[in-house]
Amino acid sequence: MSANKHIPSSKHWKVLKSELVFNEKWYKLRRDEVELPNGMVLDDYYVSVRPDVVLTFPVTEDGQVIFVKQYKHAAANIFIELPGGVIDDHENNPLEAARREMLEETGYTSDNMELVAEVIDNPTKDTNKIYFYLARDAYKIAEQDLDESESIEVLHVPVQEVEHMVLSGQINVSGSVALCLLALRKLGL
């Protein structure tokens, strides 16, 4: 007997109506009217329409992981994260977006990048995916190329210290936590 034998199958919700109720450069909000599988209708299900995101775990040849440290206004705090950002409207290749974001934020690039996972951060309310990359043998080729609103400090952390930083809460942004642990496992650490 299968372990899933007693789990009822899930069904998709039927979208009856959908409208964009807020549409600004950095945030879009959609209001859906949906019919649930049991027939119940919800006329006010709000969804954040967000662009897909890339996140990269760059590790240098000498075993340093490149992190960024910056203020994030919604949480009103300074965070240590892996480099990443949104895939721009004109971009259709997440790998190239990951390479671009890493270069802009850190000045580093890599000729050896691989997709580790494609994840959904908040499937209840957000539409976007996050593409996790491991960048081996990362090397510096430029200075940071930041937007005028950005102030990012680049950190070099020995790869052996990353797990402790995650487990002690020094790295506590969900995407960075997940990618750190996945990348360390992929690297056999």
Protein backbone atom coordinates (compact mmCIF):
# COMPACT_ATOMS: atom_id res chain seq x y z
CA MET A 1 0.00 0.00 0.00
CA SER A 2 1.33 3.42 -0.97
CA ALA A 3 2.06 5.98 1.76
CA ASN A 4 -0.04 8.51 -0.19
CA LYS A 5 -3.11 6.25 -0.40
CA HIS A 6 -5.05 8.24 2.21
CA ILE A 7 -4.06 11.72 1.07
CA PRO A 8 -6.85 13.31 -0.99
CA SER A 9 -5.76 14.60 -4.37
CA SER A 10 -5.49 18.35 -4.74
CA LYS A 11 -7.33 20.17 -7.47
CA HIS A 12 -6.71 23.48 -9.19
CA TRP A 13 -8.81 26.51 -8.42
CA LYS A 14 -10.85 27.94 -11.28
CA VAL A 15 -10.16 31.62 -12.01
CA LEU A 16 -13.48 33.37 -12.72
CA LYS A 17 -12.13 36.90 -12.97
CA SER A 18 -8.72 38.54 -12.64
CA GLU A 19 -7.71 42.20 -12.59
CA LEU A 20 -4.50 44.09 -11.94
CA VAL A 21 -5.43 46.50 -9.13
CA PHE A 22 -2.00 48.02 -8.54
CA ASN A 23 0.62 48.35 -11.26
CA GLU A 24 3.84 50.20 -10.44
CA LYS A 25 7.43 49.67 -11.55
CA TRP A 26 8.48 47.67 -8.47
CA TYR A 27 5.16 46.12 -7.42
CA LYS A 28 2.10 44.66 -9.08
CA LEU A 29 -0.97 43.34 -7.27
CA ARG A 30 -3.68 41.21 -8.85
CA ARG A 31 -7.15 40.53 -7.45
CA ASP A 32 -8.62 37.20 -8.48
CA GLU A 33 -12.12 35.82 -8.11
CA VAL A 34 -11.70 32.06 -7.80
CA GLU A 35 -13.91 29.02 -7.41
CA LEU A 36 -12.52 26.36 -5.08
CA PRO A 37 -12.94 22.64 -5.85
CA ASN A 38 -15.74 22.47 -3.24
CA GLY A 39 -17.72 25.17 -5.11
CA MET A 40 -16.95 28.02 -2.70
CA VAL A 41 -16.16 31.34 -4.44
CA LEU A 42 -13.59 33.80 -3.13
CA ASP A 43 -13.88 37.23 -4.76
CA ASP A 44 -10.88 38.84 -3.09
CA TYR A 45 -7.84 36.60 -3.44
CA TYR A 46 -4.85 38.94 -3.81
CA VAL A 47 -1.68 37.82 -5.60
CA SER A 48 1.67 39.64 -5.86
CA VAL A 49 2.74 39.47 -9.51
CA ARG A 50 6.50 39.32 -9.19
CA PRO A 51 9.32 38.76 -11.67
CA ASP A 52 11.40 35.61 -11.45
CA VAL A 53 14.58 35.88 -9.40
CA VAL A 54 18.11 34.45 -9.56
CA LEU A 55 20.41 33.74 -6.63
CA THR A 56 24.02 32.57 -6.86
CA PHE A 57 26.43 30.80 -4.49
CA PRO A 58 29.79 32.03 -5.84
CA VAL A 59 32.82 30.19 -4.48
CA THR A 60 36.33 31.19 -5.48
CA GLU A 61 39.12 28.77 -6.38
CA ASP A 62 40.65 29.31 -2.92
CA GLY A 63 37.38 28.43 -1.13
CA GLN A 64 35.92 31.87 -0.36
CA VAL A 65 32.17 32.33 -0.76
CA ILE A 66 31.18 35.79 -1.99
CA PHE A 67 28.29 37.31 -0.04
CA VAL A 68 26.69 40.74 -0.11
CA LYS A 69 25.68 42.77 2.93
CA GLN A 70 23.04 45.43 2.56
CA TYR A 71 20.08 47.21 4.14
CA LYS A 72 16.62 45.90 3.20
CA HIS A 73 13.91 48.45 3.88
CA ALA A 74 10.81 46.24 4.29
CA ALA A 75 12.50 44.35 7.14
CA ALA A 76 14.34 47.53 8.31
CA ASN A 77 17.61 45.71 8.86
CA ILE A 78 20.98 44.86 7.32
CA PHE A 79 21.32 41.33 5.94
CA ILE A 80 24.05 39.03 4.68
CA GLU A 81 22.84 37.34 1.51
CA LEU A 82 24.06 35.67 -1.62
CA PRO A 83 24.18 37.89 -4.72
CA GLY A 84 21.07 37.91 -6.87
CA GLY A 85 18.11 39.84 -8.13
CA VAL A 86 15.27 39.92 -10.59
CA ILE A 87 15.36 38.63 -14.12
CA ASP A 88 14.75 41.75 -16.20
CA ASP A 89 11.81 41.88 -18.64
CA HIS A 90 14.10 41.64 -21.68
CA GLU A 91 16.02 38.62 -20.30
CA ASN A 92 14.87 35.09 -21.05
CA ASN A 93 17.88 33.14 -19.76
CA PRO A 94 18.07 32.80 -15.95
CA LEU A 95 21.75 31.76 -16.13
CA GLU A 96 22.71 34.99 -17.89
CA ALA A 97 20.64 37.00 -15.40
CA ALA A 98 22.46 35.25 -12.53
CA ARG A 99 25.83 36.04 -14.12
CA ARG A 100 24.77 39.70 -14.64
CA GLU A 101 23.50 40.14 -11.07
CA MET A 102 26.63 38.55 -9.57
CA LEU A 103 28.86 40.81 -11.66
CA GLU A 104 26.87 43.99 -10.86
CA GLU A 105 26.73 43.34 -7.11
CA THR A 106 30.19 41.89 -6.53
CA GLY A 107 32.43 42.39 -9.58
CA TYR A 108 32.84 38.60 -9.77
CA THR A 109 31.99 36.19 -12.57
CA SER A 110 32.38 32.47 -13.21
CA ASP A 111 32.81 30.25 -16.26
CA ASN A 112 31.48 27.27 -14.31
CA MET A 113 27.88 27.91 -13.27
CA GLU A 114 25.21 25.28 -12.80
CA LEU A 115 21.56 25.32 -11.85
CA VAL A 116 21.14 23.76 -8.40
CA ALA A 117 17.36 24.12 -8.07
CA GLU A 118 14.31 26.01 -9.26
CA VAL A 119 12.13 26.87 -6.25
CA ILE A 120 8.94 28.71 -5.38
CA ASP A 121 9.37 31.11 -2.48
CA ASN A 122 5.76 31.84 -1.51
CA PRO A 123 3.24 29.93 -3.66
CA THR A 124 0.32 31.20 -1.58
CA LYS A 125 0.68 34.84 -2.59
CA ASP A 126 3.56 35.31 -5.09
CA THR A 127 3.84 34.29 -8.75
CA ASN A 128 7.62 34.11 -9.12
CA LYS A 129 10.22 31.37 -9.23
CA ILE A 130 13.76 31.57 -7.86
CA TYR A 131 16.61 29.98 -9.80
CA PHE A 132 19.49 28.85 -7.56
CA TYR A 133 22.96 28.67 -9.11
CA LEU A 134 26.32 27.39 -7.92
CA ALA A 135 29.22 29.36 -9.42
CA ARG A 136 32.50 27.48 -9.02
CA ASP A 137 35.89 29.15 -9.42
CA ALA A 138 34.43 32.65 -9.25
CA TYR A 139 36.92 35.40 -9.99
CA LYS A 140 36.90 39.19 -9.90
CA ILE A 141 36.90 41.02 -13.24
CA ALA A 142 35.41 44.41 -12.37
CA GLU A 143 34.28 46.78 -9.67
CA GLN A 144 30.65 46.77 -8.53
CA ASP A 145 28.16 48.38 -10.91
CA LEU A 146 25.33 49.41 -8.58
CA ASP A 147 22.17 51.45 -9.03
CA GLU A 148 22.39 54.79 -7.23
CA SER A 149 19.91 53.50 -4.62
CA GLU A 150 22.13 50.52 -3.73
CA SER A 151 24.89 50.33 -1.15
CA ILE A 152 26.31 46.81 -1.05
CA GLU A 153 29.32 45.57 0.89
CA VAL A 154 31.04 42.49 -0.55
CA LEU A 155 32.08 39.84 1.98
CA HIS A 156 34.48 36.92 1.54
CA VAL A 157 33.62 34.00 3.83
CA PRO A 158 35.60 30.76 4.01
CA VAL A 159 33.34 27.99 2.69
CA GLN A 160 33.89 26.04 5.93
CA GLU A 161 32.21 28.85 7.93
CA VAL A 162 29.04 29.15 5.83
CA GLU A 163 27.06 26.36 7.51
CA HIS A 164 27.77 27.84 10.96
CA MET A 165 26.63 31.27 9.75
CA VAL A 166 23.35 29.76 8.54
CA LEU A 167 22.74 27.65 11.65
CA SER A 168 23.59 30.55 13.99
CA GLY A 169 21.20 32.92 12.19
CA GLN A 170 23.85 35.27 10.77
CA ILE A 171 22.48 34.35 7.35
CA ASN A 172 18.70 34.35 7.74
CA VAL A 173 17.11 35.33 4.42
CA SER A 174 15.21 32.25 3.25
CA GLY A 175 16.58 32.00 -0.30
CA SER A 176 20.17 32.43 0.86
CA VAL A 177 19.67 29.88 3.65
CA ALA A 178 18.29 27.32 1.24
CA LEU A 179 20.90 27.87 -1.47
CA CYS A 180 23.78 27.82 1.04
CA LEU A 181 22.71 24.43 2.37
CA LEU A 182 22.04 23.01 -1.09
CA ALA A 183 25.34 24.30 -2.50
CA LEU A 184 27.36 22.99 0.46
CA ARG A 185 25.80 19.58 -0.05
CA LYS A 186 26.54 19.70 -3.78
CA LEU A 187 30.16 20.60 -2.97
CA GLY A 188 30.33 17.64 -0.59
CA LEU A 189 30.76 19.79 2.53
